């Protein structure tokens, strides 16, 4: 778990401003105030003082942001209790799932669905728009979102309906760091769910991580339903991630 927490500390700051506050690495998006893009990550075994927690809270509040943390509980087992005692509330517990090459189960795309690496900005924009809609957000894609999606290169994949040409989902894999990489952003349009498309996208990206030398692909499913999908590809429960914040 320590290795995966180190992975998050290495990748989360990319494209963000960072500040070291006691045993926390605070990250701040340069383009968005969305809570999921602004959060702190603790050091392994962190047991911060009241002053350090207060300083972290003020660093976010002073920027007009919600103070938040995301971390794997096993990496800092005493931290959740300390934060709750200092006014933080648990937003959610998110399962952590991992997949090794030995566990991997391939899942091809169903008939009528093509998985394709985006090649142009138009491809990338349609991928990000499909993801936004699937996650209940606006279909509009900002220049910042486009730039972020562009950075994934051929580690992004989009799902297309071959009959209509519609882009109906996709996902991406992050960089491999010390043998691990996160698979994220798995999305499928509501009308196309239940057909094995999400499993195919997950399999494509997990296989990509393994083929490029990452023995551990991991993801954090948002709910039990999508966790079942990931199990079909070989991802197994390995722990949990907690999100805490001050309202």
Protein backbone atom coordinates (compact mmCIF):
# COMPACT_ATOMS: atom_id res chain seq x y z
CA UNK A 1 0.00 0.00 0.00
CA UNK A 2 2.90 2.32 0.71
CA UNK A 3 4.04 1.93 -2.92
CA UNK A 4 0.61 2.92 -4.26
CA UNK A 5 0.41 5.91 -1.93
CA UNK A 6 3.85 6.96 -3.18
CA UNK A 7 2.52 6.63 -6.72
CA UNK A 8 -0.32 9.06 -5.94
CA UNK A 9 2.10 11.52 -4.35
CA UNK A 10 4.22 11.36 -7.50
CA UNK A 11 1.40 11.76 -10.05
CA UNK A 12 -1.18 14.02 -8.37
CA UNK A 13 1.02 17.16 -8.48
CA UNK A 14 1.36 17.09 -12.27
CA UNK A 15 -0.26 20.19 -13.67
CA UNK A 16 -0.97 21.52 -10.18
CA UNK A 17 0.68 23.84 -7.71
CA UNK A 18 1.94 22.11 -4.58
CA UNK A 19 2.83 23.11 -1.05
CA UNK A 20 4.43 21.04 1.68
CA UNK A 21 2.54 21.55 4.97
CA UNK A 22 3.81 19.37 7.82
CA UNK A 23 3.29 15.73 6.81
CA UNK A 24 0.99 16.72 3.93
CA UNK A 25 1.56 17.36 0.25
CA UNK A 26 -1.16 19.87 -0.65
CA UNK A 27 -2.08 20.07 -4.35
CA UNK A 28 -3.97 22.93 -6.02
CA UNK A 29 -5.36 22.89 -9.54
CA UNK A 30 -4.30 25.81 -11.70
CA UNK A 31 -7.51 25.78 -13.73
CA UNK A 32 -10.37 24.49 -11.57
CA UNK A 33 -11.82 24.79 -8.07
CA UNK A 34 -13.44 21.34 -8.36
CA UNK A 35 -12.92 19.50 -5.04
CA UNK A 36 -11.72 16.33 -6.78
CA UNK A 37 -8.84 18.30 -8.32
CA UNK A 38 -7.73 20.02 -5.12
CA UNK A 39 -6.70 17.79 -2.24
CA UNK A 40 -3.85 16.89 0.10
CA UNK A 41 -1.98 13.60 0.38
CA UNK A 42 -0.36 12.56 3.68
CA UNK A 43 3.03 11.02 4.26
CA UNK A 44 3.06 7.36 5.26
CA UNK A 45 2.21 6.97 8.93
CA UNK A 46 1.27 10.65 9.27
CA UNK A 47 0.19 11.76 12.77
CA UNK A 48 -0.03 15.55 12.36
CA UNK A 49 -0.28 18.04 15.19
CA UNK A 50 -3.28 20.32 15.64
CA UNK A 51 -1.21 23.20 14.28
CA UNK A 52 -0.33 21.25 11.14
CA UNK A 53 -3.95 20.26 10.49
CA UNK A 54 -5.02 23.87 11.05
CA UNK A 55 -2.36 25.12 8.64
CA UNK A 56 -3.54 22.65 5.98
CA UNK A 57 -7.16 23.71 6.41
CA UNK A 58 -6.25 27.39 6.15
CA UNK A 59 -4.14 26.79 3.03
CA UNK A 60 -7.22 25.60 1.15
CA UNK A 61 -9.73 27.98 2.73
CA UNK A 62 -7.44 30.90 1.98
CA UNK A 63 -7.62 30.01 -1.71
CA UNK A 64 -11.40 29.75 -1.61
CA UNK A 65 -11.19 25.96 -1.85
CA UNK A 66 -12.73 23.20 0.21
CA UNK A 67 -10.10 21.61 2.47
CA UNK A 68 -9.87 17.95 1.39
CA UNK A 69 -7.66 14.89 1.69
CA UNK A 70 -7.52 11.62 -0.21
CA UNK A 71 -5.37 8.71 0.95
CA UNK A 72 -5.15 4.95 1.37
CA UNK A 73 -6.04 4.12 4.96
CA UNK A 74 -3.35 1.47 5.39
CA UNK A 75 -0.66 4.03 4.52
CA UNK A 76 -1.72 6.34 7.38
CA UNK A 77 -3.92 4.25 9.71
CA UNK A 78 -4.22 6.83 12.51
CA UNK A 79 -4.93 9.85 10.35
CA UNK A 80 -8.67 9.55 9.75
CA UNK A 81 -9.45 9.63 13.48
CA UNK A 82 -7.20 12.66 14.01
CA UNK A 83 -8.82 14.57 11.15
CA UNK A 84 -12.36 13.81 12.31
CA UNK A 85 -11.44 15.05 15.78
CA UNK A 86 -10.34 18.32 14.14
CA UNK A 87 -13.56 18.96 12.22
CA UNK A 88 -13.15 16.90 9.05
CA UNK A 89 -15.96 14.64 7.85
CA UNK A 90 -15.80 11.42 5.86
CA UNK A 91 -17.08 11.95 2.32
CA UNK A 92 -16.73 8.38 1.14
CA UNK A 93 -14.79 5.16 1.41
CA UNK A 94 -13.63 3.98 -1.99
CA UNK A 95 -12.37 0.42 -2.53
CA UNK A 96 -8.91 0.00 -4.00
CA UNK A 97 -8.58 -2.77 -6.60
CA UNK A 98 -5.41 -4.07 -8.25
CA UNK A 99 -4.66 -6.40 -11.14
CA UNK A 100 -1.43 -8.23 -11.98
CA UNK A 101 -0.68 -10.00 -15.28
CA UNK A 102 -1.41 -13.32 -13.59
CA UNK A 103 -4.89 -12.15 -12.56
CA UNK A 104 -5.77 -10.43 -15.83
CA UNK A 105 -8.82 -11.64 -17.81
CA UNK A 106 -9.20 -10.18 -21.29
CA UNK A 107 -12.62 -8.84 -22.29
CA UNK A 108 -13.04 -7.97 -25.99
CA UNK A 109 -15.40 -5.23 -27.09
CA UNK A 110 -18.91 -6.47 -27.94
CA UNK A 111 -20.13 -6.59 -31.53
CA UNK A 112 -20.77 -3.15 -32.95
CA UNK A 113 -18.35 -1.38 -30.60
CA UNK A 114 -14.87 -0.25 -31.63
CA UNK A 115 -12.16 0.72 -29.17
CA UNK A 116 -9.79 3.21 -30.73
CA UNK A 117 -6.92 5.43 -29.57
CA UNK A 118 -7.81 9.11 -30.18
CA UNK A 119 -5.63 10.61 -32.91
CA UNK A 120 -6.76 14.23 -33.20
CA UNK A 121 -7.96 16.99 -30.92
CA UNK A 122 -11.46 16.37 -32.27
CA UNK A 123 -11.14 12.73 -31.18
CA UNK A 124 -9.95 13.79 -27.74
CA UNK A 125 -12.70 16.36 -27.35
CA UNK A 126 -15.39 13.81 -28.21
CA UNK A 127 -13.88 11.34 -25.74
CA UNK A 128 -13.83 13.89 -22.92
CA UNK A 129 -17.36 15.05 -23.76
CA UNK A 130 -18.64 11.45 -23.60
CA UNK A 131 -16.93 11.00 -20.23
CA UNK A 132 -18.40 14.23 -18.88
CA UNK A 133 -21.93 13.25 -19.88
CA UNK A 134 -21.54 9.73 -18.46
CA UNK A 135 -20.46 11.27 -15.15
CA UNK A 136 -23.46 13.62 -15.10
CA UNK A 137 -21.57 16.74 -16.12
CA UNK A 138 -21.77 19.20 -19.01
CA UNK A 139 -20.84 17.87 -22.46
CA UNK A 140 -18.80 21.02 -23.04
CA UNK A 141 -15.03 20.49 -22.96
CA UNK A 142 -12.80 23.32 -21.79
CA UNK A 143 -9.35 23.98 -23.23
CA UNK A 144 -7.88 22.86 -19.90
CA UNK A 145 -9.77 19.57 -20.08
CA UNK A 146 -8.64 19.08 -23.66
CA UNK A 147 -5.01 19.70 -22.71
CA UNK A 148 -5.30 17.26 -19.82
CA UNK A 149 -6.78 14.57 -22.06
CA UNK A 150 -4.14 15.24 -24.72
CA UNK A 151 -1.42 14.47 -22.17
CA UNK A 152 -2.46 10.81 -22.02
CA UNK A 153 -1.40 10.23 -25.62
CA UNK A 154 -1.96 6.63 -26.69
CA UNK A 155 -2.83 5.70 -23.11
CA UNK A 156 -6.36 6.97 -23.82
CA UNK A 157 -9.03 4.95 -25.58
CA UNK A 158 -12.51 5.84 -26.78
CA UNK A 159 -15.44 3.54 -27.53
CA UNK A 160 -17.41 4.11 -30.73
CA UNK A 161 -20.72 2.74 -32.00
CA UNK A 162 -19.71 1.46 -35.45
CA UNK A 163 -23.27 1.77 -36.78
CA UNK A 164 -23.64 5.47 -35.98
CA UNK A 165 -20.09 6.66 -35.36
CA UNK A 166 -21.16 8.00 -31.96
CA UNK A 167 -18.51 8.16 -29.24
CA UNK A 168 -20.12 6.47 -26.26
CA UNK A 169 -17.34 6.21 -23.68
CA UNK A 170 -13.70 5.62 -22.96
CA UNK A 171 -10.98 5.89 -20.36
CA UNK A 172 -7.25 6.28 -19.85
CA UNK A 173 -4.22 4.92 -18.02
CA UNK A 174 -1.84 7.16 -16.13
CA UNK A 175 1.95 6.98 -16.33
CA UNK A 176 3.72 3.95 -14.93
CA UNK A 177 5.68 4.89 -11.81
CA UNK A 178 7.73 2.27 -9.97
CA UNK A 179 5.80 -0.54 -11.64
CA UNK A 180 2.28 0.77 -10.96
CA UNK A 181 -0.24 2.76 -12.98
CA UNK A 182 -3.80 3.88 -12.33
CA UNK A 183 -6.62 3.10 -14.75
CA UNK A 184 -9.15 5.92 -14.54
CA UNK A 185 -12.01 7.78 -16.17
CA UNK A 186 -13.85 4.61 -17.29
CA UNK A 187 -17.14 5.88 -18.68
CA UNK A 188 -19.98 4.51 -20.83
CA UNK A 189 -23.08 6.38 -21.99
CA UNK A 190 -26.18 5.33 -20.07
CA UNK A 191 -27.97 3.88 -23.11
CA UNK A 192 -25.04 1.53 -23.77
CA UNK A 193 -24.48 0.17 -20.27
CA UNK A 194 -24.85 -3.51 -19.40
CA UNK A 195 -23.29 -4.72 -22.65
CA UNK A 196 -19.73 -5.36 -21.48
CA UNK A 197 -18.30 -2.13 -22.88
CA UNK A 198 -16.88 -0.91 -19.57
CA UNK A 199 -15.21 -4.28 -19.06
CA UNK A 200 -13.67 -4.06 -22.54
CA UNK A 201 -12.35 -0.54 -21.90
CA UNK A 202 -10.91 -1.60 -18.55
CA UNK A 203 -9.30 -4.69 -20.08
CA UNK A 204 -7.76 -2.64 -22.89
CA UNK A 205 -6.16 -0.18 -20.47
CA UNK A 206 -5.11 -2.79 -17.91
CA UNK A 207 -3.44 -4.85 -20.63
CA UNK A 208 -1.67 -1.71 -21.85
CA UNK A 209 -0.21 -1.09 -18.39
CA UNK A 210 1.05 -4.68 -18.19
CA UNK A 211 2.48 -4.68 -21.72
CA UNK A 212 4.43 -1.50 -20.98
CA UNK A 213 6.12 -2.94 -17.93
CA UNK A 214 3.72 -2.11 -15.11
CA UNK A 215 3.02 -5.26 -13.07
CA UNK A 216 0.35 -3.49 -11.02
CA UNK A 217 -2.63 -1.76 -12.58
CA UNK A 218 -5.00 -0.26 -10.01
CA UNK A 219 -8.24 1.65 -9.83
CA UNK A 220 -10.68 3.04 -7.30
CA UNK A 221 -14.30 2.25 -8.28
CA UNK A 222 -16.94 4.76 -7.29
CA UNK A 223 -19.54 2.16 -6.36
CA UNK A 224 -20.09 -1.58 -5.96
CA UNK A 225 -21.73 -1.89 -9.38
CA UNK A 226 -18.68 -0.75 -11.29
CA UNK A 227 -16.45 -2.76 -8.94
CA UNK A 228 -18.22 -5.88 -10.22
CA UNK A 229 -17.31 -4.84 -13.76
CA UNK A 230 -13.66 -4.48 -12.79
CA UNK A 231 -13.65 -7.90 -11.14
CA UNK A 232 -14.51 -9.43 -14.51
CA UNK A 233 -11.18 -8.16 -15.82
CA UNK A 234 -9.24 -9.58 -12.88
CA UNK A 235 -9.04 -6.62 -10.53
CA UNK A 236 -9.17 -7.74 -6.90
CA UNK A 237 -9.90 -5.78 -3.69
CA UNK A 238 -6.65 -4.63 -2.07
CA UNK A 239 -7.65 -1.97 0.45
CA UNK A 240 -9.54 1.30 0.58
CA UNK A 241 -9.11 4.99 -0.08
CA UNK A 242 -10.85 7.59 2.07
CA UNK A 243 -11.91 11.11 1.14
CA UNK A 244 -12.31 13.60 4.00
CA UNK A 245 -13.16 17.27 3.91
CA UNK A 246 -14.35 20.29 5.85
CA UNK A 247 -17.82 21.45 4.74
